[in-house]
């Protein structure tokens, strides 16, 4: 029997064959296609934390940004967190991402990296990112882009469930547009028993930083349920 790590690696490699065209002015952010170092660290991460066949509960963000998963392909994990917290050395510029800083506070509050990834797999509604005018772009920022992503989103999320993700619950990072989309999509496609929204890490770090520990507790309480 192949491990979850192996199945996830195959899934992300295969996703490149399902990428739809994007509207004018929007570009794909595809770290696995462009950087062999990304392939190396992503596979090392999977082998370190998912070399088993145990089920995981899915946590999904929006889509990767340029300084986190847009570099490492490990969701909400920048090069700094990848080395310091996950123990995977890498040659990337050691730039930090706000969202990654918050997520790893949650990870350590939960019990540490090994304990957290033994239960959860973090990814995104759209597994790869977008850039427009040189800055991060979200799949819901324009209707044509969102419409173009629908087949990919369905394929990606169904495949993750087939690979061993818990279909009973999915945690959604973002209580606004991301949750609104995912809740409606889930209602139509019946992928998960329920979708639980959580405040987005970037929102917390930018606008609620003084209440950081309070929001860590919000995450922990949601996971405990």
Foldseek 3Di string as FASTA:
>chain_A
DFWLLVLVLVLLVVLVVVAFDADPQKDWLRQVVPDVQLSVLSSVLSCVATRHQAFAAEEAEFADFCAACSHNLQPLHGQQCSCPAVVRHGDDDRDHDQLSVLVVVLQVVLPGDNVNSNHHGYAHLQRTFMDGPRGTDTQVPDDRSVVRCVVSSVVVLQSSVVSHYAQAEYEYADPPPRCVVVQVSCVVVVRHNYYHYAHHSVCCRPPVVVCSVVSSVVVVVVVVD
